[in-house]
N, C-alpha and C. Protein backbone atom coordinates (compact mmCIF):
# COMPACT_ATOMS: atom_id res chain seq x y z
N MET A 1 0.84 -1.18 0.00
CA MET A 1 0.00 0.00 0.00
C MET A 1 0.89 1.25 0.00
N THR A 2 0.52 2.23 -0.79
CA THR A 2 1.26 3.47 -0.90
C THR A 2 1.08 4.32 0.36
N GLU A 3 2.18 4.94 0.80
CA GLU A 3 2.09 5.85 1.95
C GLU A 3 1.24 7.07 1.57
N ILE A 4 0.42 7.51 2.50
CA ILE A 4 -0.46 8.65 2.24
C ILE A 4 0.36 9.94 2.38
N PRO A 5 0.37 10.76 1.35
CA PRO A 5 1.12 12.02 1.42
C PRO A 5 0.47 13.02 2.38
N ALA A 6 1.19 14.06 2.68
CA ALA A 6 0.70 15.11 3.58
C ALA A 6 -0.46 15.87 2.94
N VAL A 7 -1.27 16.46 3.80
CA VAL A 7 -2.37 17.31 3.34
C VAL A 7 -1.78 18.66 2.94
N VAL A 8 -2.32 19.21 1.86
CA VAL A 8 -1.90 20.52 1.36
C VAL A 8 -3.11 21.45 1.40
N ASP A 9 -2.89 22.68 1.86
CA ASP A 9 -3.94 23.70 1.84
C ASP A 9 -3.87 24.40 0.50
N ASN A 10 -4.82 24.10 -0.38
CA ASN A 10 -4.89 24.74 -1.69
C ASN A 10 -5.77 25.98 -1.53
N THR A 11 -5.15 27.11 -1.23
CA THR A 11 -5.90 28.33 -0.95
C THR A 11 -6.63 28.85 -2.19
N ALA A 12 -6.15 28.52 -3.38
CA ALA A 12 -6.80 28.98 -4.61
C ALA A 12 -8.18 28.34 -4.78
N THR A 13 -8.32 27.09 -4.35
CA THR A 13 -9.59 26.39 -4.51
C THR A 13 -10.35 26.25 -3.19
N HIS A 14 -9.76 26.73 -2.10
CA HIS A 14 -10.35 26.60 -0.76
C HIS A 14 -10.62 25.14 -0.43
N ARG A 15 -9.55 24.33 -0.59
CA ARG A 15 -9.66 22.91 -0.30
C ARG A 15 -8.39 22.43 0.42
N PHE A 16 -8.58 21.54 1.36
CA PHE A 16 -7.48 20.79 1.93
C PHE A 16 -7.39 19.53 1.06
N GLU A 17 -6.21 19.23 0.53
CA GLU A 17 -6.10 18.17 -0.47
C GLU A 17 -5.01 17.16 -0.15
N ILE A 18 -5.27 15.93 -0.58
CA ILE A 18 -4.27 14.87 -0.60
C ILE A 18 -4.27 14.33 -2.01
N VAL A 19 -3.12 14.40 -2.69
CA VAL A 19 -3.00 13.86 -4.03
C VAL A 19 -2.25 12.54 -3.91
N LEU A 20 -2.89 11.50 -4.41
CA LEU A 20 -2.35 10.15 -4.27
C LEU A 20 -2.58 9.40 -5.57
N GLU A 21 -1.50 8.93 -6.17
CA GLU A 21 -1.59 8.14 -7.40
C GLU A 21 -2.43 8.84 -8.48
N GLY A 22 -2.24 10.15 -8.60
CA GLY A 22 -2.92 10.91 -9.63
C GLY A 22 -4.36 11.29 -9.32
N GLU A 23 -4.86 10.89 -8.16
CA GLU A 23 -6.22 11.22 -7.73
C GLU A 23 -6.15 12.23 -6.59
N THR A 24 -7.18 13.05 -6.44
CA THR A 24 -7.20 14.05 -5.38
C THR A 24 -8.40 13.81 -4.46
N ALA A 25 -8.08 13.65 -3.18
CA ALA A 25 -9.10 13.64 -2.13
C ALA A 25 -9.09 15.04 -1.53
N PHE A 26 -10.27 15.55 -1.15
CA PHE A 26 -10.27 16.92 -0.65
C PHE A 26 -11.43 17.17 0.31
N ALA A 27 -11.21 18.19 1.12
CA ALA A 27 -12.26 18.73 1.99
C ALA A 27 -12.35 20.22 1.64
N GLU A 28 -13.51 20.62 1.16
CA GLU A 28 -13.72 22.03 0.84
C GLU A 28 -13.88 22.82 2.13
N TYR A 29 -13.49 24.09 2.09
CA TYR A 29 -13.71 24.96 3.25
C TYR A 29 -14.03 26.38 2.81
N GLN A 30 -14.74 27.07 3.70
CA GLN A 30 -15.03 28.48 3.51
C GLN A 30 -14.72 29.17 4.83
N LEU A 31 -13.93 30.22 4.76
CA LEU A 31 -13.64 30.99 5.96
C LEU A 31 -14.70 32.06 6.14
N VAL A 32 -15.21 32.18 7.36
CA VAL A 32 -16.18 33.21 7.72
C VAL A 32 -15.67 33.88 8.99
N ALA A 33 -16.27 34.96 9.39
CA ALA A 33 -15.83 35.69 10.58
C ALA A 33 -15.77 34.75 11.79
N GLY A 34 -14.55 34.47 12.26
CA GLY A 34 -14.36 33.65 13.44
C GLY A 34 -14.61 32.16 13.25
N GLY A 35 -14.81 31.74 12.00
CA GLY A 35 -15.12 30.33 11.80
C GLY A 35 -14.69 29.79 10.45
N ILE A 36 -14.86 28.47 10.33
CA ILE A 36 -14.59 27.77 9.08
C ILE A 36 -15.74 26.81 8.82
N ILE A 37 -16.31 26.90 7.63
CA ILE A 37 -17.38 26.00 7.22
C ILE A 37 -16.74 24.87 6.42
N LEU A 38 -17.10 23.64 6.76
CA LEU A 38 -16.62 22.47 6.03
C LEU A 38 -17.83 21.83 5.33
N PRO A 39 -18.09 22.23 4.07
CA PRO A 39 -19.32 21.80 3.41
C PRO A 39 -19.26 20.44 2.71
N HIS A 40 -18.06 19.98 2.32
CA HIS A 40 -18.03 18.80 1.44
C HIS A 40 -16.66 18.14 1.51
N THR A 41 -16.66 16.82 1.57
CA THR A 41 -15.43 16.04 1.54
C THR A 41 -15.58 14.96 0.47
N VAL A 42 -14.54 14.78 -0.34
CA VAL A 42 -14.55 13.80 -1.41
C VAL A 42 -13.29 12.95 -1.33
N VAL A 43 -13.48 11.63 -1.31
CA VAL A 43 -12.37 10.69 -1.38
C VAL A 43 -12.68 9.74 -2.54
N PRO A 44 -11.79 9.66 -3.53
CA PRO A 44 -12.03 8.74 -4.64
C PRO A 44 -12.28 7.31 -4.12
N THR A 45 -13.21 6.64 -4.74
CA THR A 45 -13.64 5.31 -4.31
C THR A 45 -12.45 4.37 -4.10
N VAL A 46 -11.47 4.44 -4.97
CA VAL A 46 -10.32 3.54 -4.89
C VAL A 46 -9.54 3.70 -3.58
N PHE A 47 -9.68 4.84 -2.91
CA PHE A 47 -8.95 5.09 -1.67
C PHE A 47 -9.80 5.00 -0.41
N GLU A 48 -11.07 4.65 -0.55
CA GLU A 48 -11.94 4.55 0.62
C GLU A 48 -11.42 3.49 1.58
N GLY A 49 -11.60 3.73 2.87
CA GLY A 49 -11.18 2.77 3.88
C GLY A 49 -9.72 2.84 4.26
N ARG A 50 -9.01 3.84 3.78
CA ARG A 50 -7.58 3.98 4.07
C ARG A 50 -7.27 5.13 5.03
N GLY A 51 -8.31 5.73 5.60
CA GLY A 51 -8.11 6.79 6.57
C GLY A 51 -7.83 8.15 5.98
N ILE A 52 -8.05 8.29 4.68
CA ILE A 52 -7.75 9.56 4.02
C ILE A 52 -8.71 10.66 4.47
N ALA A 53 -10.00 10.36 4.56
CA ALA A 53 -10.96 11.38 5.01
C ALA A 53 -10.64 11.79 6.45
N SER A 54 -10.25 10.84 7.28
CA SER A 54 -9.87 11.18 8.66
C SER A 54 -8.64 12.06 8.69
N ARG A 55 -7.69 11.80 7.81
CA ARG A 55 -6.49 12.63 7.74
C ARG A 55 -6.87 14.06 7.36
N LEU A 56 -7.81 14.20 6.43
CA LEU A 56 -8.30 15.53 6.06
C LEU A 56 -9.00 16.20 7.24
N ALA A 57 -9.77 15.43 8.00
CA ALA A 57 -10.48 15.97 9.17
C ALA A 57 -9.49 16.45 10.23
N VAL A 58 -8.48 15.65 10.51
CA VAL A 58 -7.48 16.05 11.50
C VAL A 58 -6.80 17.35 11.08
N TYR A 59 -6.46 17.45 9.81
CA TYR A 59 -5.82 18.66 9.30
C TYR A 59 -6.75 19.86 9.46
N ALA A 60 -8.02 19.68 9.09
CA ALA A 60 -8.99 20.78 9.19
C ALA A 60 -9.16 21.23 10.64
N MET A 61 -9.20 20.28 11.58
CA MET A 61 -9.35 20.63 13.00
C MET A 61 -8.12 21.36 13.52
N ASP A 62 -6.94 20.88 13.12
CA ASP A 62 -5.71 21.56 13.51
C ASP A 62 -5.65 22.98 12.93
N TYR A 63 -6.06 23.11 11.69
CA TYR A 63 -6.10 24.42 11.03
C TYR A 63 -7.00 25.37 11.82
N ALA A 64 -8.18 24.89 12.19
CA ALA A 64 -9.13 25.72 12.95
C ALA A 64 -8.56 26.08 14.31
N ARG A 65 -8.00 25.10 15.00
CA ARG A 65 -7.48 25.34 16.35
C ARG A 65 -6.34 26.36 16.34
N GLN A 66 -5.42 26.21 15.39
CA GLN A 66 -4.28 27.12 15.30
C GLN A 66 -4.70 28.56 15.01
N ARG A 67 -5.84 28.73 14.39
CA ARG A 67 -6.30 30.08 14.01
C ARG A 67 -7.43 30.60 14.88
N GLY A 68 -7.80 29.83 15.90
CA GLY A 68 -8.86 30.25 16.81
C GLY A 68 -10.23 30.29 16.16
N LEU A 69 -10.47 29.39 15.21
CA LEU A 69 -11.74 29.37 14.48
C LEU A 69 -12.69 28.31 15.04
N LYS A 70 -13.97 28.58 14.97
CA LYS A 70 -14.99 27.60 15.30
C LYS A 70 -15.41 26.90 14.01
N VAL A 71 -15.72 25.62 14.12
CA VAL A 71 -16.02 24.80 12.94
C VAL A 71 -17.52 24.62 12.77
N ILE A 72 -17.97 24.81 11.55
CA ILE A 72 -19.35 24.52 11.17
C ILE A 72 -19.28 23.35 10.20
N PRO A 73 -19.49 22.12 10.71
CA PRO A 73 -19.31 20.92 9.88
C PRO A 73 -20.58 20.55 9.11
N LEU A 74 -20.81 21.19 7.97
CA LEU A 74 -21.97 20.88 7.15
C LEU A 74 -21.83 19.52 6.47
N CYS A 75 -20.62 19.13 6.18
CA CYS A 75 -20.34 17.83 5.57
C CYS A 75 -20.68 16.72 6.56
N PRO A 76 -21.49 15.75 6.14
CA PRO A 76 -21.85 14.66 7.06
C PRO A 76 -20.64 13.91 7.63
N PHE A 77 -19.60 13.71 6.81
CA PHE A 77 -18.42 13.03 7.33
C PHE A 77 -17.77 13.86 8.43
N MET A 78 -17.56 15.15 8.18
CA MET A 78 -16.90 16.01 9.17
C MET A 78 -17.74 16.11 10.45
N ALA A 79 -19.05 16.21 10.31
CA ALA A 79 -19.93 16.27 11.48
C ALA A 79 -19.80 14.98 12.29
N GLY A 80 -19.81 13.84 11.61
CA GLY A 80 -19.67 12.56 12.30
C GLY A 80 -18.32 12.41 12.96
N TYR A 81 -17.29 12.86 12.28
CA TYR A 81 -15.94 12.80 12.84
C TYR A 81 -15.88 13.61 14.13
N MET A 82 -16.41 14.82 14.10
CA MET A 82 -16.36 15.68 15.28
C MET A 82 -17.18 15.09 16.42
N LYS A 83 -18.32 14.51 16.11
CA LYS A 83 -19.15 13.91 17.15
C LYS A 83 -18.41 12.75 17.83
N LYS A 84 -17.68 11.96 17.06
CA LYS A 84 -16.97 10.78 17.58
C LYS A 84 -15.66 11.12 18.29
N HIS A 85 -15.14 12.33 18.09
CA HIS A 85 -13.84 12.70 18.65
C HIS A 85 -13.99 13.85 19.65
N PRO A 86 -14.10 13.50 20.94
CA PRO A 86 -14.32 14.52 21.98
C PRO A 86 -13.27 15.63 21.99
N GLU A 87 -12.06 15.33 21.52
CA GLU A 87 -11.01 16.36 21.50
C GLU A 87 -11.32 17.49 20.53
N THR A 88 -12.35 17.32 19.69
CA THR A 88 -12.74 18.38 18.76
C THR A 88 -14.01 19.11 19.19
N HIS A 89 -14.67 18.64 20.22
CA HIS A 89 -15.96 19.22 20.61
C HIS A 89 -15.88 20.71 20.90
N ASP A 90 -14.76 21.17 21.46
CA ASP A 90 -14.62 22.59 21.77
C ASP A 90 -14.53 23.45 20.51
N LEU A 91 -14.26 22.82 19.37
CA LEU A 91 -14.15 23.56 18.12
C LEU A 91 -15.48 23.78 17.42
N VAL A 92 -16.50 22.99 17.79
CA VAL A 92 -17.79 23.08 17.11
C VAL A 92 -18.44 24.44 17.42
N HIS A 93 -18.85 25.11 16.38
CA HIS A 93 -19.52 26.41 16.53
C HIS A 93 -20.74 26.23 17.43
N PRO A 94 -20.96 27.14 18.40
CA PRO A 94 -22.06 27.00 19.35
C PRO A 94 -23.43 26.80 18.71
N THR A 95 -23.67 27.45 17.58
CA THR A 95 -24.98 27.33 16.93
C THR A 95 -25.14 26.00 16.19
N TYR A 96 -24.08 25.23 16.11
CA TYR A 96 -24.14 23.97 15.36
C TYR A 96 -24.04 22.73 16.25
N ARG A 97 -23.75 22.92 17.54
CA ARG A 97 -23.51 21.79 18.44
C ARG A 97 -24.70 20.82 18.50
N GLU A 98 -25.89 21.33 18.71
CA GLU A 98 -27.06 20.46 18.85
C GLU A 98 -27.36 19.70 17.56
N ARG A 99 -27.07 20.30 16.42
CA ARG A 99 -27.32 19.65 15.13
C ARG A 99 -26.52 18.36 14.97
N ILE A 100 -25.36 18.29 15.61
CA ILE A 100 -24.56 17.06 15.49
C ILE A 100 -24.65 16.21 16.76
N GLY A 101 -25.59 16.56 17.64
CA GLY A 101 -25.84 15.72 18.80
C GLY A 101 -25.00 16.03 20.02
N LEU A 102 -24.45 17.24 20.10
CA LEU A 102 -23.68 17.64 21.28
C LEU A 102 -24.52 18.58 22.14
N SER A 103 -24.21 18.61 23.42
CA SER A 103 -24.93 19.52 24.31
C SER A 103 -24.56 20.95 23.98
N PRO A 104 -25.47 21.90 24.23
CA PRO A 104 -25.16 23.31 23.95
C PRO A 104 -23.92 23.75 24.72
N ALA A 105 -23.23 24.69 24.17
CA ALA A 105 -22.00 25.20 24.81
C ALA A 105 -22.32 25.96 26.06
């Protein structure tokens, strides 16, 4: 199995990307005042089950934490990731916590 390359922040397309074997997995993002919206994540079928979407999620959470941003996880994968990982709960935007099953801030 090929080693998964590092995530790259493609600021031109507003995507966190992993390019692997000529294919691109990505998590789209939009920066808003004090926050980051994560609307969509795509992993090519050939790479599913290899932890690539999780690698994108970890990068997105680190990006938000380093910049003091709250996360609005519109993408079902990102919302599920955040719900399952308590270390990210503090990053969830207060108006979005209940939507993913977390108690209000």
